[in-house]
Amino acid sequence: MLVAVIIALVKFGGVFGITWFMSRDDAETTSVGACMHNNGTNSKPDLEEVDCSSSEAQYKVVQKHDFTSDINKCTDPSAPIAYWQTGGGHDVVLCMSEVK
């Protein structure tokens, strides 16, 4: 009986880990040079990383600042769009430019 409980806990933990991995926010896991698409609104953005050659690409990440919520770190004039995300693993600020 104890073995069955341990196996069930391991399976649950595996499913939980996979679910967490698949639901991570793209701002946390993206990198400089990546392109993003906003599935939300300007007031409630929901960024998703997309291929830069895709027609869905709206923004390109020019700078990324981990473990901060300070949008004033976005000082590059070529990246006037600042996006701050909190929660998940850590705070992230993305400095982005519009994809033309």
PDB file of N, CA and C in Angstrom:
ATOM      1  N   MET A   1       0.819  -1.203   0.000  1.00  0.00           N
ATOM      2  CA  MET A   1       0.000   0.000   0.000  1.00  0.00           C
ATOM      3  C   MET A   1       0.865   1.271   0.000  1.00  0.00           C
ATOM      4  N   LEU A   2       1.910   1.265   0.808  1.00  0.00           N
ATOM      5  CA  LEU A   2       2.796   2.424   0.875  1.00  0.00           C
ATOM      6  C   LEU A   2       3.469   2.676  -0.475  1.00  0.00           C
ATOM      7  N   VAL A   3       3.859   1.622  -1.171  1.00  0.00           N
ATOM      8  CA  VAL A   3       4.483   1.750  -2.485  1.00  0.00           C
ATOM      9  C   VAL A   3       3.522   2.407  -3.466  1.00  0.00           C
ATOM     10  N   ALA A   4       2.243   2.035  -3.429  1.00  0.00           N
ATOM     11  CA  ALA A   4       1.237   2.628  -4.322  1.00  0.00           C
ATOM     12  C   ALA A   4       1.080   4.113  -4.039  1.00  0.00           C
ATOM     13  N   VAL A   5       1.106   4.507  -2.768  1.00  0.00           N
ATOM     14  CA  VAL A   5       0.980   5.923  -2.402  1.00  0.00           C
ATOM     15  C   VAL A   5       2.196   6.696  -2.905  1.00  0.00           C
ATOM     16  N   ILE A   6       3.386   6.132  -2.730  1.00  0.00           N
ATOM     17  CA  ILE A   6       4.605   6.802  -3.196  1.00  0.00           C
ATOM     18  C   ILE A   6       4.593   6.947  -4.714  1.00  0.00           C
ATOM     19  N   ILE A   7       4.190   5.899  -5.423  1.00  0.00           N
ATOM     20  CA  ILE A   7       4.101   5.968  -6.891  1.00  0.00           C
ATOM     21  C   ILE A   7       3.090   7.024  -7.308  1.00  0.00           C
ATOM     22  N   ALA A   8       1.947   7.088  -6.615  1.00  0.00           N
ATOM     23  CA  ALA A   8       0.931   8.096  -6.939  1.00  0.00           C
ATOM     24  C   ALA A   8       1.478   9.497  -6.700  1.00  0.00           C
ATOM     25  N   LEU A   9       2.228   9.692  -5.611  1.00  0.00           N
ATOM     26  CA  LEU A   9       2.804  11.013  -5.335  1.00  0.00           C
ATOM     27  C   LEU A   9       3.843  11.394  -6.382  1.00  0.00           C
ATOM     28  N   VAL A  10       4.661  10.438  -6.804  1.00  0.00           N
ATOM     29  CA  VAL A  10       5.654  10.708  -7.849  1.00  0.00           C
ATOM     30  C   VAL A  10       4.964  11.066  -9.153  1.00  0.00           C
ATOM     31  N   LYS A  11       3.917  10.333  -9.494  1.00  0.00           N
ATOM     32  CA  LYS A  11       3.172  10.642 -10.719  1.00  0.00           C
ATOM     33  C   LYS A  11       2.529  12.012 -10.626  1.00  0.00           C
ATOM     34  N   PHE A  12       1.921  12.337  -9.479  1.00  0.00           N
ATOM     35  CA  PHE A  12       1.303  13.646  -9.304  1.00  0.00           C
ATOM     36  C   PHE A  12       2.354  14.737  -9.414  1.00  0.00           C
ATOM     37  N   GLY A  13       3.496  14.521  -8.754  1.00  0.00           N
ATOM     38  CA  GLY A  13       4.580  15.501  -8.823  1.00  0.00           C
ATOM     39  C   GLY A  13       5.063  15.701 -10.242  1.00  0.00           C
ATOM     40  N   GLY A  14       5.159  14.610 -11.015  1.00  0.00           N
ATOM     41  CA  GLY A  14       5.578  14.712 -12.415  1.00  0.00           C
ATOM     42  C   GLY A  14       4.590  15.499 -13.240  1.00  0.00           C
ATOM     43  N   VAL A  15       3.310  15.228 -13.053  1.00  0.00           N
ATOM     44  CA  VAL A  15       2.267  15.964 -13.774  1.00  0.00           C
ATOM     45  C   VAL A  15       2.288  17.429 -13.367  1.00  0.00           C
ATOM     46  N   PHE A  16       2.435  17.686 -12.061  1.00  0.00           N
ATOM     47  CA  PHE A  16       2.496  19.065 -11.591  1.00  0.00           C
ATOM     48  C   PHE A  16       3.695  19.774 -12.202  1.00  0.00           C
ATOM     49  N   GLY A  17       4.863  19.115 -12.228  1.00  0.00           N
ATOM     50  CA  GLY A  17       6.068  19.713 -12.797  1.00  0.00           C
ATOM     51  C   GLY A  17       5.921  20.011 -14.275  1.00  0.00           C
ATOM     52  N   ILE A  18       5.325  19.091 -15.019  1.00  0.00           N
ATOM     53  CA  ILE A  18       5.103  19.303 -16.454  1.00  0.00           C
ATOM     54  C   ILE A  18       4.126  20.447 -16.670  1.00  0.00           C
ATOM     55  N   THR A  19       3.058  20.491 -15.867  1.00  0.00           N
ATOM     56  CA  THR A  19       2.078  21.575 -15.978  1.00  0.00           C
ATOM     57  C   THR A  19       2.737  22.915 -15.687  1.00  0.00           C
ATOM     58  N   TRP A  20       3.568  22.961 -14.623  1.00  0.00           N
ATOM     59  CA  TRP A  20       4.253  24.206 -14.301  1.00  0.00           C
ATOM     60  C   TRP A  20       5.166  24.607 -15.454  1.00  0.00           C
ATOM     61  N   PHE A  21       5.923  23.652 -15.999  1.00  0.00           N
ATOM     62  CA  PHE A  21       6.851  23.945 -17.083  1.00  0.00           C
ATOM     63  C   PHE A  21       6.114  24.495 -18.290  1.00  0.00           C
ATOM     64  N   MET A  22       5.001  23.896 -18.654  1.00  0.00           N
ATOM     65  CA  MET A  22       4.253  24.319 -19.829  1.00  0.00           C
ATOM     66  C   MET A  22       3.546  25.655 -19.617  1.00  0.00           C
ATOM     67  N   SER A  23       3.302  26.049 -18.353  1.00  0.00           N
ATOM     68  CA  SER A  23       2.564  27.285 -18.109  1.00  0.00           C
ATOM     69  C   SER A  23       3.482  28.441 -17.715  1.00  0.00           C
ATOM     70  N   ARG A  24       4.795  28.241 -17.799  1.00  0.00           N
ATOM     71  CA  ARG A  24       5.698  29.332 -17.457  1.00  0.00           C
ATOM     72  C   ARG A  24       5.432  30.515 -18.373  1.00  0.00           C
ATOM     73  N   ASP A  25       5.599  31.709 -17.815  1.00  0.00           N
ATOM     74  CA  ASP A  25       5.375  32.908 -18.604  1.00  0.00           C
ATOM     75  C   ASP A  25       6.529  33.122 -19.564  1.00  0.00           C
ATOM     76  N   ASP A  26       6.207  33.493 -20.777  1.00  0.00           N
ATOM     77  CA  ASP A  26       7.230  33.658 -21.805  1.00  0.00           C
ATOM     78  C   ASP A  26       8.192  34.801 -21.506  1.00  0.00           C
ATOM     79  N   ALA A  27       7.750  35.822 -20.790  1.00  0.00           N
ATOM     80  CA  ALA A  27       8.659  36.921 -20.461  1.00  0.00           C
ATOM     81  C   ALA A  27       9.820  36.425 -19.611  1.00  0.00           C
ATOM     82  N   GLU A  28       9.549  35.497 -18.719  1.00  0.00           N
ATOM     83  CA  GLU A  28      10.589  34.930 -17.871  1.00  0.00           C
ATOM     84  C   GLU A  28      11.590  34.102 -18.658  1.00  0.00           C
ATOM     85  N   THR A  29      11.110  33.389 -19.639  1.00  0.00           N
ATOM     86  CA  THR A  29      11.949  32.423 -20.340  1.00  0.00           C
ATOM     87  C   THR A  29      12.485  32.921 -21.669  1.00  0.00           C
ATOM     88  N   THR A  30      12.090  34.111 -22.090  1.00  0.00           N
ATOM     89  CA  THR A  30      12.544  34.639 -23.375  1.00  0.00           C
ATOM     90  C   THR A  30      13.955  35.206 -23.257  1.00  0.00           C
ATOM     91  N   SER A  31      14.535  35.550 -24.369  1.00  0.00           N
ATOM     92  CA  SER A  31      15.876  36.121 -24.356  1.00  0.00           C
ATOM     93  C   SER A  31      15.935  37.321 -25.298  1.00  0.00           C
ATOM     94  N   VAL A  32      17.010  38.084 -25.168  1.00  0.00           N
ATOM     95  CA  VAL A  32      17.219  39.240 -26.045  1.00  0.00           C
ATOM     96  C   VAL A  32      17.274  38.750 -27.492  1.00  0.00           C
ATOM     97  N   GLY A  33      16.570  39.453 -28.369  1.00  0.00           N
ATOM     98  CA  GLY A  33      16.512  39.090 -29.780  1.00  0.00           C
ATOM     99  C   GLY A  33      15.250  38.329 -30.142  1.00  0.00           C
ATOM    100  N   ALA A  34      14.533  37.834 -29.124  1.00  0.00           N
ATOM    101  CA  ALA A  34      13.298  37.094 -29.372  1.00  0.00           C
ATOM    102  C   ALA A  34      12.175  38.063 -29.730  1.00  0.00           C
ATOM    103  N   CYS A  35      11.159  37.541 -30.394  1.00  0.00           N
ATOM    104  CA  CYS A  35       9.995  38.345 -30.753  1.00  0.00           C
ATOM    105  C   CYS A  35       8.785  37.892 -29.943  1.00  0.00           C
ATOM    106  N   MET A  36       7.905  38.838 -29.668  1.00  0.00           N
ATOM    107  CA  MET A  36       6.755  38.583 -28.813  1.00  0.00           C
ATOM    108  C   MET A  36       5.466  39.010 -29.514  1.00  0.00           C
ATOM    109  N   HIS A  37       4.389  38.359 -29.109  1.00  0.00           N
ATOM    110  CA  HIS A  37       3.045  38.699 -29.565  1.00  0.00           C
ATOM    111  C   HIS A  37       2.197  38.916 -28.317  1.00  0.00           C
ATOM    112  N   ASN A  38       1.366  39.955 -28.323  1.00  0.00           N
ATOM    113  CA  ASN A  38       0.489  40.239 -27.190  1.00  0.00           C
ATOM    114  C   ASN A  38      -0.872  39.613 -27.442  1.00  0.00           C
ATOM    115  N   ASN A  39      -1.184  38.548 -26.687  1.00  0.00           N
ATOM    116  CA  ASN A  39      -2.494  37.907 -26.780  1.00  0.00           C
ATOM    117  C   ASN A  39      -3.531  38.612 -25.921  1.00  0.00           C
ATOM    118  N   GLY A  40      -3.108  39.604 -25.148  1.00  0.00           N
ATOM    119  CA  GLY A  40      -4.012  40.344 -24.275  1.00  0.00           C
ATOM    120  C   GLY A  40      -4.312  41.713 -24.845  1.00  0.00           C
ATOM    121  N   THR A  41      -4.391  42.675 -23.954  1.00  0.00           N
ATOM    122  CA  THR A  41      -4.644  44.067 -24.337  1.00  0.00           C
ATOM    123  C   THR A  41      -3.469  44.917 -23.871  1.00  0.00           C
ATOM    124  N   ASN A  42      -3.463  46.193 -24.218  1.00  0.00           N
ATOM    125  CA  ASN A  42      -2.406  47.081 -23.751  1.00  0.00           C
ATOM    126  C   ASN A  42      -2.449  47.251 -22.233  1.00  0.00           C
ATOM    127  N   SER A  43      -3.639  47.255 -21.653  1.00  0.00           N
ATOM    128  CA  SER A  43      -3.752  47.418 -20.206  1.00  0.00           C
ATOM    129  C   SER A  43      -3.579  46.106 -19.444  1.00  0.00           C
ATOM    130  N   LYS A  44      -3.773  44.980 -20.116  1.00  0.00           N
ATOM    131  CA  LYS A  44      -3.583  43.667 -19.490  1.00  0.00           C
ATOM    132  C   LYS A  44      -2.894  42.741 -20.499  1.00  0.00           C
ATOM    133  N   PRO A  45      -1.587  42.976 -20.707  1.00  0.00           N
ATOM    134  CA  PRO A  45      -0.868  42.210 -21.735  1.00  0.00           C
ATOM    135  C   PRO A  45      -0.668  40.750 -21.343  1.00  0.00           C
ATOM    136  N   ASP A  46      -0.576  39.914 -22.349  1.00  0.00           N
ATOM    137  CA  ASP A  46      -0.293  38.489 -22.198  1.00  0.00           C
ATOM    138  C   ASP A  46       0.680  38.133 -23.313  1.00  0.00           C
ATOM    139  N   LEU A  47       1.974  38.290 -23.037  1.00  0.00           N
ATOM    140  CA  LEU A  47       2.992  38.104 -24.066  1.00  0.00           C
ATOM    141  C   LEU A  47       3.305  36.638 -24.299  1.00  0.00           C
ATOM    142  N   GLU A  48       3.517  36.326 -25.561  1.00  0.00           N
ATOM    143  CA  GLU A  48       3.888  34.983 -25.976  1.00  0.00           C
ATOM    144  C   GLU A  48       5.043  35.115 -26.958  1.00  0.00           C
ATOM    145  N   GLU A  49       6.057  34.285 -26.791  1.00  0.00           N
ATOM    146  CA  GLU A  49       7.181  34.307 -27.725  1.00  0.00           C
ATOM    147  C   GLU A  49       6.765  33.651 -29.030  1.00  0.00           C
ATOM    148  N   VAL A  50       7.088  34.330 -30.140  1.00  0.00           N
ATOM    149  CA  VAL A  50       6.775  33.809 -31.475  1.00  0.00           C
ATOM    150  C   VAL A  50       8.019  33.939 -32.345  1.00  0.00           C
ATOM    151  N   ASP A  51       8.019  33.249 -33.457  1.00  0.00           N
ATOM    152  CA  ASP A  51       9.119  33.340 -34.407  1.00  0.00           C
ATOM    153  C   ASP A  51       9.140  34.749 -35.003  1.00  0.00           C
ATOM    154  N   CYS A  52      10.306  35.322 -35.113  1.00  0.00           N
ATOM    155  CA  CYS A  52      10.417  36.696 -35.633  1.00  0.00           C
ATOM    156  C   CYS A  52       9.975  36.827 -37.084  1.00  0.00           C
ATOM    157  N   SER A  53       9.955  35.737 -37.833  1.00  0.00           N
ATOM    158  CA  SER A  53       9.500  35.806 -39.219  1.00  0.00           C
ATOM    159  C   SER A  53       7.974  35.646 -39.315  1.00  0.00           C
ATOM    160  N   SER A  54       7.329  35.386 -38.201  1.00  0.00           N
ATOM    161  CA  SER A  54       5.876  35.205 -38.181  1.00  0.00           C
ATOM    162  C   SER A  54       5.160  36.547 -38.319  1.00  0.00           C
ATOM    163  N   SER A  55       3.993  36.520 -38.929  1.00  0.00           N
ATOM    164  CA  SER A  55       3.180  37.736 -39.039  1.00  0.00           C
ATOM    165  C   SER A  55       2.627  38.149 -37.678  1.00  0.00           C
ATOM    166  N   GLU A  56       2.690  37.255 -36.693  1.00  0.00           N
ATOM    167  CA  GLU A  56       2.206  37.578 -35.342  1.00  0.00           C
ATOM    168  C   GLU A  56       3.228  38.370 -34.534  1.00  0.00           C
ATOM    169  N   ALA A  57       4.466  38.430 -34.977  1.00  0.00           N
ATOM    170  CA  ALA A  57       5.511  39.146 -34.237  1.00  0.00           C
ATOM    171  C   ALA A  57       5.178  40.627 -34.177  1.00  0.00           C
ATOM    172  N   GLN A  58       5.025  41.146 -32.967  1.00  0.00           N
ATOM    173  CA  GLN A  58       4.706  42.557 -32.767  1.00  0.00           C
ATOM    174  C   GLN A  58       5.866  43.334 -32.150  1.00  0.00           C
ATOM    175  N   TYR A  59       6.631  42.667 -31.277  1.00  0.00           N
ATOM    176  CA  TYR A  59       7.694  43.324 -30.520  1.00  0.00           C
ATOM    177  C   TYR A  59       8.952  42.470 -30.543  1.00  0.00           C
ATOM    178  N   LYS A  60      10.095  43.147 -30.460  1.00  0.00           N
ATOM    179  CA  LYS A  60      11.376  42.447 -30.373  1.00  0.00           C
ATOM    180  C   LYS A  60      12.045  42.861 -29.059  1.00  0.00           C
ATOM    181  N   VAL A  61      12.535  41.881 -28.319  1.00  0.00           N
ATOM    182  CA  VAL A  61      13.186  42.132 -27.039  1.00  0.00           C
ATOM    183  C   VAL A  61      14.598  42.655 -27.300  1.00  0.00           C
ATOM    184  N   VAL A  62      14.855  43.873 -26.838  1.00  0.00           N
ATOM    185  CA  VAL A  62      16.150  44.513 -27.026  1.00  0.00           C
ATOM    186  C   VAL A  62      17.001  44.366 -25.759  1.00  0.00           C
ATOM    187  N   GLN A  63      16.351  44.438 -24.605  1.00  0.00           N
ATOM    188  CA  GLN A  63      17.030  44.249 -23.325  1.00  0.00           C
ATOM    189  C   GLN A  63      16.123  43.433 -22.416  1.00  0.00           C
ATOM    190  N   LYS A  64      16.724  42.666 -21.516  1.00  0.00           N
ATOM    191  CA  LYS A  64      15.975  41.898 -20.524  1.00  0.00           C
ATOM    192  C   LYS A  64      16.668  42.086 -19.183  1.00  0.00           C
ATOM    193  N   HIS A  65      15.880  42.433 -18.161  1.00  0.00           N
ATOM    194  CA  HIS A  65      16.411  42.642 -16.815  1.00  0.00           C
ATOM    195  C   HIS A  65      15.669  41.702 -15.866  1.00  0.00           C
ATOM    196  N   ASP A  66      16.389  40.699 -15.356  1.00  0.00           N
ATOM    197  CA  ASP A  66      15.802  39.747 -14.429  1.00  0.00           C
ATOM    198  C   ASP A  66      15.873  40.269 -12.995  1.00  0.00           C
ATOM    199  N   PHE A  67      14.948  39.782 -12.169  1.00  0.00           N
ATOM    200  CA  PHE A  67      14.906  40.068 -10.732  1.00  0.00           C
ATOM    201  C   PHE A  67      14.759  41.552 -10.431  1.00  0.00           C
ATOM    202  N   THR A  68      13.947  42.239 -11.235  1.00  0.00           N
ATOM    203  CA  THR A  68      13.658  43.648 -10.990  1.00  0.00           C
ATOM    204  C   THR A  68      12.271  43.983 -11.535  1.00  0.00           C
ATOM    205  N   SER A  69      11.700  45.039 -10.980  1.00  0.00           N
ATOM    206  CA  SER A  69      10.442  45.571 -11.504  1.00  0.00           C
ATOM    207  C   SER A  69      10.631  47.011 -11.974  1.00  0.00           C
ATOM    208  N   ASP A  70      11.880  47.450 -12.051  1.00  0.00           N
ATOM    209  CA  ASP A  70      12.213  48.827 -12.398  1.00  0.00           C
ATOM    210  C   ASP A  70      12.203  49.028 -13.914  1.00  0.00           C
ATOM    211  N   ILE A  71      11.072  49.538 -14.429  1.00  0.00           N
ATOM    212  CA  ILE A  71      10.967  49.761 -15.878  1.00  0.00           C
ATOM    213  C   ILE A  71      11.856  50.912 -16.340  1.00  0.00           C
ATOM    214  N   ASN A  72      12.381  51.693 -15.396  1.00  0.00           N
ATOM    215  CA  ASN A  72      13.303  52.775 -15.756  1.00  0.00           C
ATOM    216  C   ASN A  72      14.649  52.252 -16.233  1.00  0.00           C
ATOM    217  N   LYS A  73      14.873  50.948 -16.140  1.00  0.00           N
ATOM    218  CA  LYS A  73      16.090  50.349 -16.684  1.00  0.00           C
ATOM    219  C   LYS A  73      16.060  50.354 -18.209  1.00  0.00           C
ATOM    220  N   CYS A  74      14.895  50.564 -18.786  1.00  0.00           N
ATOM    221  CA  CYS A  74      14.753  50.622 -20.247  1.00  0.00           C
ATOM    222  C   CYS A  74      15.109  52.026 -20.708  1.00  0.00           C
ATOM    223  N   THR A  75      16.375  52.232 -20.980  1.00  0.00           N
ATOM    224  CA  THR A  75      16.861  53.563 -21.374  1.00  0.00           C
ATOM    225  C   THR A  75      17.255  53.641 -22.840  1.00  0.00           C
ATOM    226  N   ASP A  76      17.282  52.511 -23.528  1.00  0.00           N
ATOM    227  CA  ASP A  76      17.682  52.474 -24.937  1.00  0.00           C
ATOM    228  C   ASP A  76      16.579  53.110 -25.778  1.00  0.00           C
ATOM    229  N   PRO A  77      16.856  54.195 -26.496  1.00  0.00           N
ATOM    230  CA  PRO A  77      15.823  54.851 -27.299  1.00  0.00           C
ATOM    231  C   PRO A  77      15.269  53.969 -28.413  1.00  0.00           C
ATOM    232  N   SER A  78      16.001  52.926 -28.790  1.00  0.00           N
ATOM    233  CA  SER A  78      15.484  52.040 -29.836  1.00  0.00           C
ATOM    234  C   SER A  78      14.484  51.024 -29.270  1.00  0.00           C
ATOM    235  N   ALA A  79      14.296  51.027 -27.940  1.00  0.00           N
ATOM    236  CA  ALA A  79      13.367  50.100 -27.296  1.00  0.00           C
ATOM    237  C   ALA A  79      12.470  50.870 -26.324  1.00  0.00           C
ATOM    238  N   PRO A  80      11.521  51.639 -26.865  1.00  0.00           N
ATOM    239  CA  PRO A  80      10.704  52.503 -26.014  1.00  0.00           C
ATOM    240  C   PRO A  80       9.583  51.793 -25.244  1.00  0.00           C
ATOM    241  N   ILE A  81       9.387  50.510 -25.483  1.00  0.00           N
ATOM    242  CA  ILE A  81       8.292  49.786 -24.838  1.00  0.00           C
ATOM    243  C   ILE A  81       8.852  48.985 -23.666  1.00  0.00           C
ATOM    244  N   ALA A  82       8.358  49.273 -22.469  1.00  0.00           N
ATOM    245  CA  ALA A  82       8.794  48.566 -21.268  1.00  0.00           C
ATOM    246  C   ALA A  82       7.652  47.677 -20.792  1.00  0.00           C
ATOM    247  N   TYR A  83       7.975  46.432 -20.497  1.00  0.00           N
ATOM    248  CA  TYR A  83       6.999  45.466 -19.996  1.00  0.00           C
ATOM    249  C   TYR A  83       7.541  44.865 -18.711  1.00  0.00           C
ATOM    250  N   TRP A  84       6.745  44.928 -17.657  1.00  0.00           N
ATOM    251  CA  TRP A  84       7.145  44.379 -16.371  1.00  0.00           C
ATOM    252  C   TRP A  84       6.225  43.239 -16.017  1.00  0.00           C
ATOM    253  N   GLN A  85       6.809  42.127 -15.640  1.00  0.00           N
ATOM    254  CA  GLN A  85       6.029  40.961 -15.224  1.00  0.00           C
ATOM    255  C   GLN A  85       6.487  40.535 -13.840  1.00  0.00           C
ATOM    256  N   THR A  86       5.528  40.286 -12.972  1.00  0.00           N
ATOM    257  CA  THR A  86       5.837  39.805 -11.637  1.00  0.00           C
ATOM    258  C   THR A  86       5.162  38.459 -11.429  1.00  0.00           C
ATOM    259  N   GLY A  87       5.643  37.733 -10.450  1.00  0.00           N
ATOM    260  CA  GLY A  87       5.053  36.433 -10.158  1.00  0.00           C
ATOM    261  C   GLY A  87       5.812  35.334 -10.851  1.00  0.00           C
ATOM    262  N   GLY A  88       5.276  34.139 -10.779  1.00  0.00           N
ATOM    263  CA  GLY A  88       5.980  32.997 -11.355  1.00  0.00           C
ATOM    264  C   GLY A  88       7.280  32.787 -10.620  1.00  0.00           C
ATOM    265  N   GLY A  89       8.349  32.674 -11.345  1.00  0.00           N
ATOM    266  CA  GLY A  89       9.648  32.451 -10.732  1.00  0.00           C
ATOM    267  C   GLY A  89      10.299  33.722 -10.216  1.00  0.00           C
ATOM    268  N   HIS A  90      10.179  34.821 -10.960  1.00  0.00           N
ATOM    269  CA  HIS A  90      10.817  36.066 -10.557  1.00  0.00           C
ATOM    270  C   HIS A  90      10.285  37.234 -11.394  1.00  0.00           C
ATOM    271  N   ASP A  91      10.606  38.455 -10.947  1.00  0.00           N
ATOM    272  CA  ASP A  91      10.225  39.655 -11.700  1.00  0.00           C
ATOM    273  C   ASP A  91      11.124  39.800 -12.920  1.00  0.00           C
ATOM    274  N   VAL A  92      10.548  40.321 -13.993  1.00  0.00           N
ATOM    275  CA  VAL A  92      11.281  40.510 -15.249  1.00  0.00           C
ATOM    276  C   VAL A  92      10.827  41.817 -15.886  1.00  0.00           C
ATOM    277  N   VAL A  93      11.769  42.561 -16.414  1.00  0.00           N
ATOM    278  CA  VAL A  93      11.466  43.741 -17.221  1.00  0.00           C
ATOM    279  C   VAL A  93      12.018  43.485 -18.613  1.00  0.00           C
ATOM    280  N   LEU A  94      11.149  43.625 -19.615  1.00  0.00           N
ATOM    281  CA  LEU A  94      11.572  43.520 -21.008  1.00  0.00           C
ATOM    282  C   LEU A  94      11.517  44.907 -21.637  1.00  0.00           C
ATOM    283  N   CYS A  95      12.567  45.271 -22.337  1.00  0.00           N
ATOM    284  CA  CYS A  95      12.607  46.507 -23.106  1.00  0.00           C
ATOM    285  C   CYS A  95      12.498  46.097 -24.570  1.00  0.00           C
ATOM    286  N   MET A  96      11.460  46.595 -25.241  1.00  0.00           N
ATOM    287  CA  MET A  96      11.155  46.098 -26.579  1.00  0.00           C
ATOM    288  C   MET A  96      10.979  47.229 -27.587  1.00  0.00           C
ATOM    289  N   SER A  97      11.168  46.843 -28.828  1.00  0.00           N
ATOM    290  CA  SER A  97      10.867  47.730 -29.953  1.00  0.00           C
ATOM    291  C   SER A  97       9.744  47.092 -30.757  1.00  0.00           C
ATOM    292  N   GLU A  98       9.051  47.915 -31.511  1.00  0.00           N
ATOM    293  CA  GLU A  98       7.982  47.379 -32.376  1.00  0.00           C
ATOM    294  C   GLU A  98       8.619  46.735 -33.589  1.00  0.00           C
ATOM    295  N   VAL A  99       8.030  45.614 -34.007  1.00  0.00           N
ATOM    296  CA  VAL A  99       8.473  44.951 -35.232  1.00  0.00           C
ATOM    297  C   VAL A  99       7.741  45.623 -36.373  1.00  0.00           C
ATOM    298  N   LYS A 100       8.466  46.042 -37.368  1.00  0.00           N
ATOM    299  CA  LYS A 100       7.832  46.767 -38.486  1.00  0.00           C
ATOM    300  C   LYS A 100       7.388  45.812 -39.559  1.00  0.00           C
TER     301      LYS A 100
END
